[in-house]
Amino acid sequence: MVPLSRIVSALDEELRLDDFPRDVSRNGLQVEGAAGGVSKVCCGVDASPAFFEEAIARGAQLLFVHHGISWGDSLSRLTGANYALVSPLLRAGVALYAAHLPLDAHPRLGNNAGLASALGLGELRPFGVYAGREIGFKGALAAPVPWGGFKARLRDVCPDGRFESFDPFGDDARPVRTVGVVSGGAAEDFPQAVDAGLDAYVTGEMGLADYNALLARPIRFAAAGHYATERFGPRAVAGWLRNELGVDAEFVDMHLRF
């Protein structure tokens, strides 16, 4: 058994929570539990009832998620839906830890570093300012590839994500080499990729307003799913917990098509 306090301190330090004071997520330990220590951690993308049920069934005493349950004053009252969400953790004595922007931005364990590396991008540099911090990465492929080939690579990396793309140039053969990556719901940040002179921009989802904005500031754009682009961090954290703290940890994939 590893004391919960030791795991929390190690995560707080590694993820540098204090560097993200403007994050609306209440990052860190959100629900206390694991009074007897932690022998099993389940890591996931979302603090959802389905994830809680699966992780508790697997014997976890600590859950690590990217999207937690405490956003601003969202838990000001533990009634109704809030109580229904939290009560399974309280009954099971299971702790919950969340890391939102700190996990997006981490250079080794983060969603964006993981996605960029999976796409074959090298020479990674911080990119994509959100809430006052760079949370994404930009990089370059070893050699240019056709836009159509790059999109196929993204589908392979995020196979079950909801895929959308936009090419103002209308040419899948046109080469792409430099790419900006900001996972999740960061479509509105694509102008930063335009300003940086990048060939393409990758995120998780896009909407009608994003499409219309892309017509005014064109760049090759691809969205591979909010959930699908944010698996990388929780999966990496599971490996880090095993290697650094010697605790049994696994990533629980809920296979959501969002």
Protein backbone atom coordinates (compact mmCIF):
# COMPACT_ATOMS: atom_id res chain seq x y z
CA MET A 1 0.00 0.00 0.00
CA VAL A 2 1.17 3.50 -0.86
CA PRO A 3 -0.16 6.36 1.30
CA LEU A 4 -2.61 8.57 -0.57
CA SER A 5 -0.73 11.66 0.64
CA ARG A 6 2.47 10.44 -1.02
CA ILE A 7 0.77 9.91 -4.38
CA VAL A 8 -1.01 13.27 -4.22
CA SER A 9 2.22 15.12 -3.38
CA ALA A 10 4.07 13.39 -6.20
CA LEU A 11 1.34 14.21 -8.73
CA ASP A 12 1.06 17.83 -7.54
CA GLU A 13 4.80 18.28 -8.01
CA GLU A 14 5.14 16.45 -11.31
CA LEU A 15 2.15 18.16 -12.93
CA ARG A 16 3.05 21.60 -11.53
CA LEU A 17 -0.50 22.46 -10.53
CA ASP A 18 0.48 25.86 -9.16
CA ASP A 19 1.51 26.98 -12.65
CA PHE A 20 -2.14 27.05 -13.77
CA PRO A 21 -3.99 29.43 -11.44
CA ARG A 22 -6.51 30.44 -14.14
CA ASP A 23 -7.72 26.90 -14.83
CA VAL A 24 -11.43 26.65 -14.04
CA SER A 25 -10.84 23.08 -12.89
CA ARG A 26 -10.11 22.61 -9.19
CA ASN A 27 -7.02 20.57 -9.96
CA GLY A 28 -5.60 18.09 -7.49
CA LEU A 29 -7.34 15.90 -4.93
CA GLN A 30 -11.09 16.49 -5.33
CA VAL A 31 -12.47 13.68 -3.18
CA GLU A 32 -10.57 12.25 -0.24
CA GLY A 33 -10.61 8.54 0.45
CA ALA A 34 -8.26 5.53 0.48
CA ALA A 35 -7.86 5.76 4.25
CA GLY A 36 -5.93 2.50 4.29
CA GLY A 37 -3.60 3.49 1.46
CA VAL A 38 -3.57 2.86 -2.28
CA SER A 39 -2.74 -0.43 -3.96
CA LYS A 40 -4.60 0.23 -7.23
CA VAL A 41 -5.15 3.37 -9.32
CA CYS A 42 -7.45 3.61 -12.32
CA CYS A 43 -6.81 6.47 -14.74
CA GLY A 44 -9.38 7.80 -17.19
CA VAL A 45 -10.42 10.81 -19.22
CA ASP A 46 -13.72 11.70 -17.54
CA ALA A 47 -15.09 11.57 -14.00
CA SER A 48 -18.29 9.92 -15.14
CA PRO A 49 -20.61 7.49 -13.36
CA ALA A 50 -19.65 4.76 -15.85
CA PHE A 51 -15.94 5.28 -15.19
CA PHE A 52 -16.50 5.30 -11.42
CA GLU A 53 -18.42 2.03 -11.59
CA GLU A 54 -15.79 0.31 -13.72
CA ALA A 55 -12.83 1.56 -11.68
CA ILE A 56 -14.41 0.57 -8.36
CA ALA A 57 -15.20 -2.87 -9.81
CA ARG A 58 -11.51 -3.21 -10.67
CA GLY A 59 -10.59 -2.59 -7.04
CA ALA A 60 -9.18 0.93 -7.30
CA GLN A 61 -8.74 3.07 -4.19
CA LEU A 62 -7.72 6.15 -6.22
CA LEU A 63 -9.07 7.46 -9.51
CA PHE A 64 -7.08 9.87 -11.69
CA VAL A 65 -8.95 11.83 -14.39
CA HIS A 66 -8.42 14.67 -16.82
CA HIS A 67 -11.97 16.05 -16.51
CA GLY A 68 -12.86 16.09 -12.82
CA ILE A 69 -16.05 16.94 -10.94
CA SER A 70 -15.11 20.30 -9.42
CA TRP A 71 -15.19 23.28 -11.80
CA GLY A 72 -15.37 26.72 -10.23
CA ASP A 73 -18.22 26.56 -7.71
CA SER A 74 -19.90 23.57 -9.38
CA LEU A 75 -19.85 21.56 -6.12
CA SER A 76 -21.12 24.34 -3.90
CA ARG A 77 -24.03 22.06 -2.94
CA LEU A 78 -23.89 18.26 -2.73
CA THR A 79 -27.52 17.76 -3.70
CA GLY A 80 -29.34 16.28 -6.67
CA ALA A 81 -27.05 15.38 -9.54
CA ASN A 82 -23.94 16.41 -7.57
CA TYR A 83 -24.80 14.01 -4.76
CA ALA A 84 -25.61 11.22 -7.22
CA LEU A 85 -22.21 11.70 -8.89
CA VAL A 86 -20.13 11.83 -5.70
CA SER A 87 -21.95 9.28 -3.54
CA PRO A 88 -20.47 6.11 -5.14
CA LEU A 89 -16.99 7.35 -4.29
CA LEU A 90 -17.97 8.19 -0.72
CA ARG A 91 -19.66 4.84 -0.16
CA ALA A 92 -16.62 2.97 -1.52
CA GLY A 93 -14.09 5.21 0.25
CA VAL A 94 -12.39 5.91 -3.08
CA ALA A 95 -10.35 9.07 -3.71
CA LEU A 96 -10.48 11.20 -6.88
CA TYR A 97 -7.67 13.33 -8.34
CA ALA A 98 -8.11 15.58 -11.39
CA ALA A 99 -5.65 17.42 -13.63
CA HIS A 100 -7.04 19.51 -16.47
CA LEU A 101 -4.72 22.08 -18.08
CA PRO A 102 -1.66 20.76 -16.20
CA LEU A 103 -2.15 17.42 -17.96
CA ASP A 104 -2.70 19.04 -21.35
CA ALA A 105 0.55 20.95 -21.05
CA HIS A 106 2.94 18.42 -19.51
CA PRO A 107 5.94 17.85 -21.83
CA ARG A 108 6.16 14.10 -21.16
CA LEU A 109 2.87 12.91 -19.66
CA GLY A 110 0.53 15.36 -21.37
CA ASN A 111 -2.27 14.85 -23.85
CA ASN A 112 -0.71 17.14 -26.41
CA ALA A 113 2.84 15.87 -26.17
CA GLY A 114 1.51 12.32 -26.45
CA LEU A 115 -0.69 13.07 -29.45
CA ALA A 116 2.05 15.04 -31.21
CA SER A 117 4.55 12.22 -30.70
CA ALA A 118 2.06 9.60 -31.90
CA LEU A 119 1.62 11.64 -35.09
CA GLY A 120 5.38 11.52 -35.67
CA LEU A 121 6.06 15.17 -34.87
CA GLY A 122 9.55 16.04 -33.68
CA GLU A 123 11.28 19.25 -32.60
CA LEU A 124 8.36 19.85 -30.22
CA ARG A 125 7.94 23.31 -28.77
CA PRO A 126 5.21 24.71 -26.47
CA PHE A 127 2.35 26.27 -28.44
CA GLY A 128 -1.24 27.35 -28.00
CA VAL A 129 -1.89 29.88 -25.24
CA TYR A 130 -4.99 29.21 -23.16
CA ALA A 131 -5.80 30.75 -19.76
CA GLY A 132 -2.44 32.48 -19.84
CA ARG A 133 -0.33 29.35 -20.45
CA GLU A 134 0.89 27.39 -23.47
CA ILE A 135 -0.86 24.04 -23.21
CA GLY A 136 -0.21 22.53 -26.65
CA PHE A 137 2.77 21.71 -28.81
CA LYS A 138 3.94 22.42 -32.32
CA GLY A 139 6.42 20.34 -34.24
CA ALA A 140 7.54 19.05 -37.59
CA LEU A 141 7.37 15.75 -39.43
CA ALA A 142 10.68 14.26 -40.51
CA ALA A 143 9.57 14.76 -44.12
CA PRO A 144 6.49 16.38 -45.67
CA VAL A 145 3.49 14.12 -46.25
CA PRO A 146 0.36 14.77 -48.33
CA TRP A 147 -2.50 16.24 -46.33
CA GLY A 148 -4.58 13.17 -47.16
CA GLY A 149 -1.86 10.91 -45.76
CA PHE A 150 -1.58 13.00 -42.60
CA LYS A 151 -5.33 12.75 -42.01
CA ALA A 152 -5.12 8.98 -42.42
CA ARG A 153 -2.33 8.92 -39.83
CA LEU A 154 -4.49 10.94 -37.42
CA ARG A 155 -7.38 8.49 -37.89
CA ASP A 156 -5.01 5.63 -37.09
CA VAL A 157 -3.81 7.38 -33.92
CA CYS A 158 -7.38 8.24 -32.81
CA PRO A 159 -9.29 5.37 -34.43
CA ASP A 160 -12.67 5.76 -32.76
CA GLY A 161 -12.84 9.53 -32.53
CA ARG A 162 -15.44 11.67 -34.28
CA PHE A 163 -13.34 12.87 -37.21
CA GLU A 164 -13.83 16.21 -38.94
CA SER A 165 -11.51 18.13 -41.23
CA PHE A 166 -11.37 21.28 -43.30
CA ASP A 167 -9.02 22.07 -46.15
CA PRO A 168 -9.48 25.56 -47.61
CA PHE A 169 -7.05 24.64 -50.38
CA GLY A 170 -9.07 21.62 -51.49
CA ASP A 171 -6.01 19.52 -52.22
CA ASP A 172 -5.29 16.31 -50.29
CA ALA A 173 -2.01 15.97 -52.17
CA ARG A 174 -0.65 19.28 -50.87
CA PRO A 175 2.23 18.56 -48.45
CA VAL A 176 2.14 19.13 -44.71
CA ARG A 177 5.20 19.26 -42.45
CA THR A 178 4.63 21.67 -39.54
CA VAL A 179 1.65 21.05 -37.24
CA GLY A 180 0.17 22.58 -34.09
CA VAL A 181 -1.63 20.30 -31.62
CA VAL A 182 -4.06 21.35 -28.86
CA SER A 183 -6.35 18.49 -27.81
CA GLY A 184 -9.98 18.59 -26.78
CA GLY A 185 -12.20 21.61 -27.41
CA ALA A 186 -9.58 24.03 -28.75
CA ALA A 187 -10.82 24.69 -32.27
CA GLU A 188 -11.05 28.43 -31.61
CA ASP A 189 -7.29 28.57 -31.03
CA PHE A 190 -6.44 27.73 -34.65
CA PRO A 191 -5.49 31.38 -35.46
CA GLN A 192 -2.40 30.86 -33.33
CA ALA A 193 -1.34 28.16 -35.80
CA VAL A 194 -1.96 30.56 -38.68
CA ASP A 195 0.12 33.25 -36.97
CA ALA A 196 2.90 30.73 -36.35
CA GLY A 197 3.02 29.89 -40.06
CA LEU A 198 2.16 26.22 -39.50
CA ASP A 199 0.85 23.98 -42.26
CA ALA A 200 -1.92 22.38 -40.20
CA TYR A 201 -3.71 22.41 -36.86
CA VAL A 202 -5.08 19.42 -34.92
CA THR A 203 -7.61 19.48 -32.08
CA GLY A 204 -10.53 17.43 -30.81
CA GLU A 205 -13.72 19.00 -32.15
CA MET A 206 -15.07 21.83 -34.27
CA GLY A 207 -18.34 23.73 -34.52
CA LEU A 208 -20.11 25.94 -37.03
CA ALA A 209 -18.48 29.12 -35.71
CA ASP A 210 -15.06 27.48 -36.10
CA TYR A 211 -15.86 26.50 -39.68
CA ASN A 212 -16.85 30.05 -40.57
CA ALA A 213 -13.75 31.45 -38.87
CA LEU A 214 -11.57 29.06 -40.89
CA LEU A 215 -12.96 30.57 -44.08
CA ALA A 216 -11.55 33.93 -43.02
CA ARG A 217 -8.15 32.61 -41.81
CA PRO A 218 -7.54 29.44 -43.78
CA ILE A 219 -5.37 26.59 -42.56
CA ARG A 220 -5.64 22.83 -42.89
CA PHE A 221 -7.62 21.76 -39.85
CA ALA A 222 -8.47 18.35 -38.42
CA ALA A 223 -10.44 17.32 -35.32
CA ALA A 224 -10.20 13.71 -34.18
CA GLY A 225 -12.58 13.71 -31.20
CA HIS A 226 -12.41 15.39 -27.80
CA TYR A 227 -12.20 12.11 -25.91
CA ALA A 228 -9.93 10.41 -28.45
CA THR A 229 -7.34 13.20 -28.36
CA GLU A 230 -7.26 13.23 -24.55
CA ARG A 231 -6.55 9.58 -23.83
CA PHE A 232 -2.82 10.14 -24.05
CA GLY A 233 -2.31 11.90 -20.73
CA PRO A 234 -4.24 9.55 -18.43
CA ARG A 235 -2.60 6.57 -20.11
CA ALA A 236 0.86 8.09 -19.60
CA VAL A 237 0.11 8.93 -15.96
CA ALA A 238 -0.79 5.29 -15.32
CA GLY A 239 2.64 4.26 -16.57
CA TRP A 240 4.34 6.98 -14.54
CA LEU A 241 2.60 5.87 -11.34
CA ARG A 242 3.74 2.30 -11.92
CA ASN A 243 7.33 3.27 -12.68
CA GLU A 244 7.86 6.08 -10.18
CA LEU A 245 5.79 5.01 -7.19
CA GLY A 246 5.50 1.26 -7.69
CA VAL A 247 1.72 1.32 -7.45
CA ASP A 248 -0.51 -0.82 -9.66
CA ALA A 249 -2.10 1.59 -12.13
CA GLU A 250 -4.02 1.12 -15.35
CA PHE A 251 -5.79 3.23 -17.94
CA VAL A 252 -9.50 2.46 -18.26
CA ASP A 253 -10.71 3.26 -21.78
CA MET A 254 -14.44 4.01 -22.00
CA HIS A 255 -14.26 4.11 -25.85
CA LEU A 256 -16.40 7.21 -26.26
CA ARG A 257 -17.06 8.56 -29.75
CA PHE A 258 -17.06 12.27 -28.87
